[in-house]
Every structure is written in C-alpha cells, then in structure tokens.
Amino acid sequence: MKRLLVLLLPLCLSFGALDAQVKVYAGLGFNQSFTQIDSLDFIFDNYNSRNGLENGLKPVSSPRGVAVQTGLVFGRFVLDLGYTGRSQVRKSEETVLGNGTTQVREIRFRANTFDIGAAGKLNQSEDWLLSLGASIDFGAVRVFSRYGNSADYRQIPLRSPVMNEVTVGSTIFMHASFPVSPDLPLHIFIRPYFQYDLYANEYNPVNRSINFQTYLNDPPFLVSRSSNFGIKVGVMFYGG
C-alpha cells in the first residue's frame, strides 16, 4: 500500500502541473464492507458442532480495513486508483475433555484489493466532486488459522495461510467529496459501492485445516464468491 502511494502521488502531481484544468485527489480513510460467504459459513457450522465448544466461530460478515484513493479529474472524466482493505477475525473457545483447559481457534480472513477504475463527474462545481464510476479489482482471498491454549495462542505465528487464492472483482461506486474549509484543499469523502467477484474461490483447504476429522464427509468442492457492498469514508487532498 505504501509503495502504491509513493508511485502514484508523484505521477498525479506531475499530470496536475501540466494542465490547469486537471484536478488531483489523494486520500486515506476507512472501509466497512458487508458480505455472506456460504462455503465459509458451512465450514464454521461444522466446526461449531464439535463437543465441548462453548463459543463457536461466527460468520465472516463485515470485513473492514484501510481505504486509499487517488486519481485525476480531466473535465468530466475521472481516472481512479485505490487500495481497499477487507479483513475480519473470528475466534472460538472450547474446553478439552479430560484436562479442562480452554483452547482457542482463531481465523483471520483477508480479501484486500487494488482497484483501477474510471468515472464520470456529475457536478459542475470545481470546489467539490460527485462522480459515478466502476473499477476492476485485483487481489487475493487469504484465510489464516491458529489453535492453542487460551493463555499463549497469540504467540503462535500466522505465517502461511491455509487458503490463498487470487480474486478478481468489478465494483460500481458513487464518490462524493466536500471541502472542510474554503481556504484549504482538504476534503471529506464518502464512497458507497458494490463489488461483485467475477469468479468463485475454493474454500476446501480451510475445511481440511480446521475440520480434519470430518472433511472427507463433506462435498469435495466448497466454492463461493465474497461479493460485498460497503462504504468508504475519509479525508483527501483535492486540488490542481
């Protein structure tokens, strides 16, 4: 993400210097998304059916993360580039029969993407921005897992994901930004969106990892899309 900003911001500023009609924006904010991943829900339901499970794994339903947006406005045309963070942690607790110790299973879901898009400017004013656009999004769906005693499971490193698949999506978004002050090029931006995954991902590696005693009884292919809708809010520089 830092490399993206380092590469894109000088490019945007150089284009802005070439033409007074060009506006530049670059912002940082927060992303909240909402989704339903049927295959992951199925895997978690199977895991939660284990004996002695006190607090089961809840569905991955509201991944969130950082949002980075940068782009150029050429009259009515907007070139938009960004990074969207989507991650969520789920935990379960169970009492081991015999010794009575509490064990914790932690699942970390990540579906971060880099987004390349274009939009059309809807408003006439040069002081604020309202646009409607679409993007193609490239990233990876990753699921990490660790299991251990409740007192020290956090010391177990999360190095290799149990699932790591490429994802490609398409997003429709509405972007609005408004100046904080008429004397400053600092804006607040709001961006509702819907992202559709262009193909489904295979979650069976997660099932084999956490339901290793029962996964052979389940379907051999557990595929789902992680399509989601959400909203980004943050602050950004807008000027030229």
Protein backbone atom coordinates (compact mmCIF):
# COMPACT_ATOMS: atom_id res chain seq x y z
CA MET A 1 0.00 0.00 0.00
CA LYS A 2 2.80 2.42 0.87
CA ARG A 3 4.53 1.58 -2.42
CA LEU A 4 1.29 2.35 -4.29
CA LEU A 5 1.13 5.82 -2.74
CA VAL A 6 4.80 6.50 -3.39
CA LEU A 7 4.42 5.57 -7.06
CA LEU A 8 1.07 7.19 -7.77
CA LEU A 9 1.21 10.51 -5.96
CA PRO A 10 4.21 11.94 -7.88
CA LEU A 11 2.54 10.78 -11.11
CA CYS A 12 -0.70 12.53 -10.20
CA LEU A 13 1.09 15.72 -9.20
CA SER A 14 3.12 15.76 -12.41
CA PHE A 15 -0.05 15.49 -14.51
CA GLY A 16 -1.65 18.23 -12.45
CA ALA A 17 1.24 20.54 -13.24
CA LEU A 18 0.77 20.06 -16.99
CA ASP A 19 -2.73 21.43 -17.26
CA ALA A 20 -4.62 23.86 -15.05
CA GLN A 21 -7.86 22.01 -15.93
CA VAL A 22 -6.63 18.83 -14.27
CA LYS A 23 -7.62 18.19 -10.65
CA VAL A 24 -5.73 15.78 -8.42
CA TYR A 25 -7.02 13.91 -5.40
CA ALA A 26 -5.35 11.60 -2.91
CA GLY A 27 -6.96 10.38 0.28
CA LEU A 28 -6.84 7.97 3.17
CA GLY A 29 -9.84 6.55 5.02
CA PHE A 30 -11.73 3.59 6.42
CA ASN A 31 -13.63 0.87 4.57
CA GLN A 32 -16.55 -1.11 6.01
CA SER A 33 -17.99 -3.91 3.89
CA PHE A 34 -20.77 -6.47 4.32
CA THR A 35 -20.79 -9.94 2.78
CA GLN A 36 -22.02 -13.52 3.05
CA ILE A 37 -19.70 -16.40 2.16
CA ASP A 38 -21.79 -19.58 2.09
CA SER A 39 -18.90 -22.05 1.93
CA LEU A 40 -17.15 -20.46 4.89
CA ASP A 41 -20.42 -20.46 6.84
CA PHE A 42 -20.79 -24.20 6.10
CA ILE A 43 -17.23 -24.88 7.32
CA PHE A 44 -17.74 -22.87 10.51
CA ASP A 45 -21.07 -24.61 11.24
CA ASN A 46 -19.35 -27.99 11.01
CA TYR A 47 -16.57 -26.80 13.30
CA ASN A 48 -19.04 -25.42 15.84
CA SER A 49 -20.80 -28.80 16.11
CA ARG A 50 -17.81 -30.27 17.95
CA ASN A 51 -18.37 -31.43 21.53
CA GLY A 52 -17.29 -29.06 24.26
CA LEU A 53 -17.43 -25.95 22.08
CA GLU A 54 -18.55 -23.02 24.24
CA ASN A 55 -18.26 -20.06 21.86
CA GLY A 56 -18.35 -21.00 18.18
CA LEU A 57 -16.92 -19.31 15.12
CA LYS A 58 -19.25 -16.57 13.90
CA PRO A 59 -19.71 -15.91 10.17
CA VAL A 60 -17.34 -13.60 8.32
CA SER A 61 -19.92 -10.93 7.55
CA SER A 62 -18.37 -7.47 7.96
CA PRO A 63 -14.73 -7.22 6.85
CA ARG A 64 -13.16 -3.79 7.26
CA GLY A 65 -9.85 -2.04 6.71
CA VAL A 66 -7.98 0.92 5.32
CA ALA A 67 -9.06 2.68 2.13
CA VAL A 68 -6.65 4.58 -0.12
CA GLN A 69 -7.92 6.62 -3.06
CA THR A 70 -6.02 8.68 -5.61
CA GLY A 71 -6.85 9.94 -9.05
CA LEU A 72 -7.10 12.62 -11.72
CA VAL A 73 -10.07 14.65 -12.91
CA PHE A 74 -9.94 15.76 -16.57
CA GLY A 75 -13.04 17.89 -17.07
CA ARG A 76 -15.85 15.32 -16.87
CA PHE A 77 -13.57 12.26 -16.86
CA VAL A 78 -12.12 10.76 -13.67
CA LEU A 79 -9.25 8.26 -13.53
CA ASP A 80 -9.42 6.48 -10.17
CA LEU A 81 -6.90 4.22 -8.44
CA GLY A 82 -7.15 2.73 -4.98
CA TYR A 83 -6.47 0.11 -2.35
CA THR A 84 -9.30 -1.46 -0.34
CA GLY A 85 -8.64 -3.38 2.86
CA ARG A 86 -11.08 -6.09 3.93
CA SER A 87 -10.26 -8.27 6.93
CA GLN A 88 -12.03 -9.84 9.89
CA VAL A 89 -11.02 -12.04 12.84
CA ARG A 90 -13.20 -14.82 14.25
CA LYS A 91 -12.47 -16.87 17.39
CA SER A 92 -13.90 -19.90 19.15
CA GLU A 93 -13.29 -21.37 22.59
CA GLU A 94 -13.60 -24.97 23.66
CA THR A 95 -12.90 -26.95 26.80
CA VAL A 96 -10.73 -30.01 26.26
CA LEU A 97 -12.31 -33.02 27.92
CA GLY A 98 -10.03 -34.66 30.42
CA ASN A 99 -7.76 -31.79 31.47
CA GLY A 100 -10.33 -28.97 31.36
CA THR A 101 -8.05 -26.49 29.59
CA THR A 102 -9.51 -23.83 27.31
CA GLN A 103 -8.33 -23.89 23.70
CA VAL A 104 -8.83 -21.06 21.23
CA ARG A 105 -9.18 -21.30 17.45
CA GLU A 106 -8.50 -18.02 15.64
CA ILE A 107 -9.42 -17.47 11.99
CA ARG A 108 -8.24 -14.39 10.08
CA PHE A 109 -9.96 -13.59 6.78
CA ARG A 110 -8.45 -11.12 4.30
CA ALA A 111 -9.66 -10.04 0.86
CA ASN A 112 -7.69 -6.88 0.07
CA THR A 113 -7.72 -5.50 -3.48
CA PHE A 114 -6.00 -2.94 -5.70
CA ASP A 115 -8.59 -1.12 -7.77
CA ILE A 116 -8.29 0.52 -11.22
CA GLY A 117 -11.32 2.47 -12.35
CA ALA A 118 -12.90 5.32 -14.27
CA ALA A 119 -15.82 7.58 -13.51
CA GLY A 120 -17.87 10.42 -14.89
CA LYS A 121 -18.11 13.70 -13.00
CA LEU A 122 -21.75 14.58 -12.31
CA ASN A 123 -21.46 18.09 -10.84
CA GLN A 124 -20.47 21.42 -12.43
CA SER A 125 -18.58 22.93 -9.48
CA GLU A 126 -14.80 22.82 -9.30
CA ASP A 127 -14.83 23.07 -5.49
CA TRP A 128 -16.30 19.64 -4.78
CA LEU A 129 -16.64 16.33 -6.57
CA LEU A 130 -19.53 13.99 -7.28
CA SER A 131 -18.89 11.07 -9.62
CA LEU A 132 -20.29 7.71 -10.65
CA GLY A 133 -17.92 5.02 -11.84
CA ALA A 134 -16.70 1.44 -11.98
CA SER A 135 -13.43 -0.38 -11.39
CA ILE A 136 -11.68 -3.70 -11.92
CA ASP A 137 -10.21 -5.04 -8.67
CA PHE A 138 -7.28 -7.42 -8.26
CA GLY A 139 -6.28 -9.11 -5.02
CA ALA A 140 -6.23 -12.30 -3.01
CA VAL A 141 -8.54 -14.11 -0.61
CA ARG A 142 -6.48 -15.41 2.28
CA VAL A 143 -7.51 -17.34 5.38
CA PHE A 144 -5.11 -17.83 8.30
CA SER A 145 -5.68 -20.16 11.24
CA ARG A 146 -4.04 -20.88 14.59
CA TYR A 147 -5.06 -23.02 17.55
CA GLY A 148 -3.68 -23.17 21.07
CA ASN A 149 -4.12 -22.68 24.78
CA SER A 150 -6.06 -19.52 25.65
CA ALA A 151 -3.10 -18.22 27.67
CA ASP A 152 -0.49 -18.29 24.90
CA TYR A 153 -2.12 -18.95 21.48
CA ARG A 154 -1.24 -15.39 20.37
CA GLN A 155 2.43 -16.41 20.38
CA ILE A 156 1.79 -18.85 17.52
CA PRO A 157 2.88 -17.01 14.32
CA LEU A 158 0.48 -16.54 11.40
CA ARG A 159 2.97 -17.18 8.61
CA SER A 160 1.41 -19.26 5.84
CA PRO A 161 -2.31 -19.01 5.02
CA VAL A 162 -4.33 -22.22 4.89
CA MET A 163 -6.03 -20.70 1.84
CA ASN A 164 -4.52 -18.24 -0.65
CA GLU A 165 -6.37 -17.63 -3.94
CA VAL A 166 -6.32 -14.84 -6.49
CA THR A 167 -9.53 -12.85 -6.77
CA VAL A 168 -10.77 -10.50 -9.49
CA GLY A 169 -13.81 -8.33 -8.99
CA SER A 170 -15.75 -5.47 -10.51
CA THR A 171 -17.06 -2.55 -8.47
CA ILE A 172 -19.71 0.11 -9.08
CA PHE A 173 -19.27 3.17 -6.87
CA MET A 174 -20.55 6.65 -6.15
CA HIS A 175 -17.92 9.13 -4.95
CA ALA A 176 -18.66 12.41 -3.18
CA SER A 177 -16.16 14.78 -1.57
CA PHE A 178 -16.78 18.10 0.13
CA PRO A 179 -14.31 20.77 1.32
CA VAL A 180 -13.56 21.04 5.03
CA SER A 181 -12.80 24.77 4.57
CA PRO A 182 -12.93 27.10 1.53
CA ASP A 183 -9.33 28.07 2.26
CA LEU A 184 -7.92 24.53 2.34
CA PRO A 185 -7.68 21.82 -0.38
CA LEU A 186 -8.74 19.25 2.22
CA HIS A 187 -11.96 17.30 1.62
CA ILE A 188 -14.06 14.71 3.37
CA PHE A 189 -15.03 11.87 1.02
CA ILE A 190 -17.83 9.30 1.12
CA ARG A 191 -17.94 6.36 -1.28
CA PRO A 192 -20.71 3.72 -1.21
CA TYR A 193 -20.06 0.76 -3.51
CA PHE A 194 -20.94 -2.77 -4.56
CA GLN A 195 -18.21 -5.24 -5.52
CA TYR A 196 -19.03 -8.39 -7.50
CA ASP A 197 -16.48 -11.22 -7.62
CA LEU A 198 -16.06 -12.32 -11.23
CA TYR A 199 -15.41 -15.92 -10.20
CA ALA A 200 -15.76 -18.06 -7.07
CA ASN A 201 -12.96 -19.19 -4.78
CA GLU A 202 -12.34 -22.67 -3.37
CA TYR A 203 -12.60 -22.84 0.45
CA ASN A 204 -11.99 -26.58 0.84
CA PRO A 205 -8.41 -26.00 2.15
CA VAL A 206 -9.95 -24.22 5.15
CA ASN A 207 -12.24 -27.19 5.75
CA ARG A 208 -9.33 -29.64 5.59
CA SER A 209 -7.35 -27.50 8.03
CA ILE A 210 -9.88 -26.99 10.83
CA ASN A 211 -12.25 -29.96 10.25
CA PHE A 212 -9.54 -32.51 9.55
CA GLN A 213 -11.53 -35.30 11.26
CA THR A 214 -14.73 -34.84 9.24
CA TYR A 215 -13.90 -33.06 5.95
CA LEU A 216 -14.00 -36.32 3.94
CA ASN A 217 -17.74 -36.48 4.64
CA ASP A 218 -18.28 -33.06 3.06
CA PRO A 219 -18.56 -32.04 -0.62
CA PRO A 220 -15.15 -32.12 -2.37
CA PHE A 221 -15.61 -28.59 -3.71
CA LEU A 222 -16.69 -25.69 -1.49
CA VAL A 223 -16.76 -22.65 -3.74
CA SER A 224 -18.22 -19.22 -3.01
CA ARG A 225 -17.93 -15.63 -4.07
CA SER A 226 -17.10 -12.95 -1.49
CA SER A 227 -19.10 -10.25 -3.28
CA ASN A 228 -19.84 -7.39 -0.93
CA PHE A 229 -21.33 -3.95 -0.58
CA GLY A 230 -19.81 -1.28 1.62
CA ILE A 231 -18.88 2.31 2.24
CA LYS A 232 -15.59 4.20 2.46
CA VAL A 233 -15.15 7.44 4.39
CA GLY A 234 -12.02 9.52 4.89
CA VAL A 235 -10.11 12.70 4.15
CA MET A 236 -8.31 13.63 0.95
CA PHE A 237 -6.41 16.37 -0.83
CA TYR A 238 -8.32 17.73 -3.82
CA GLY A 239 -6.88 20.46 -6.00
CA GLY A 240 -4.82 21.25 -9.02
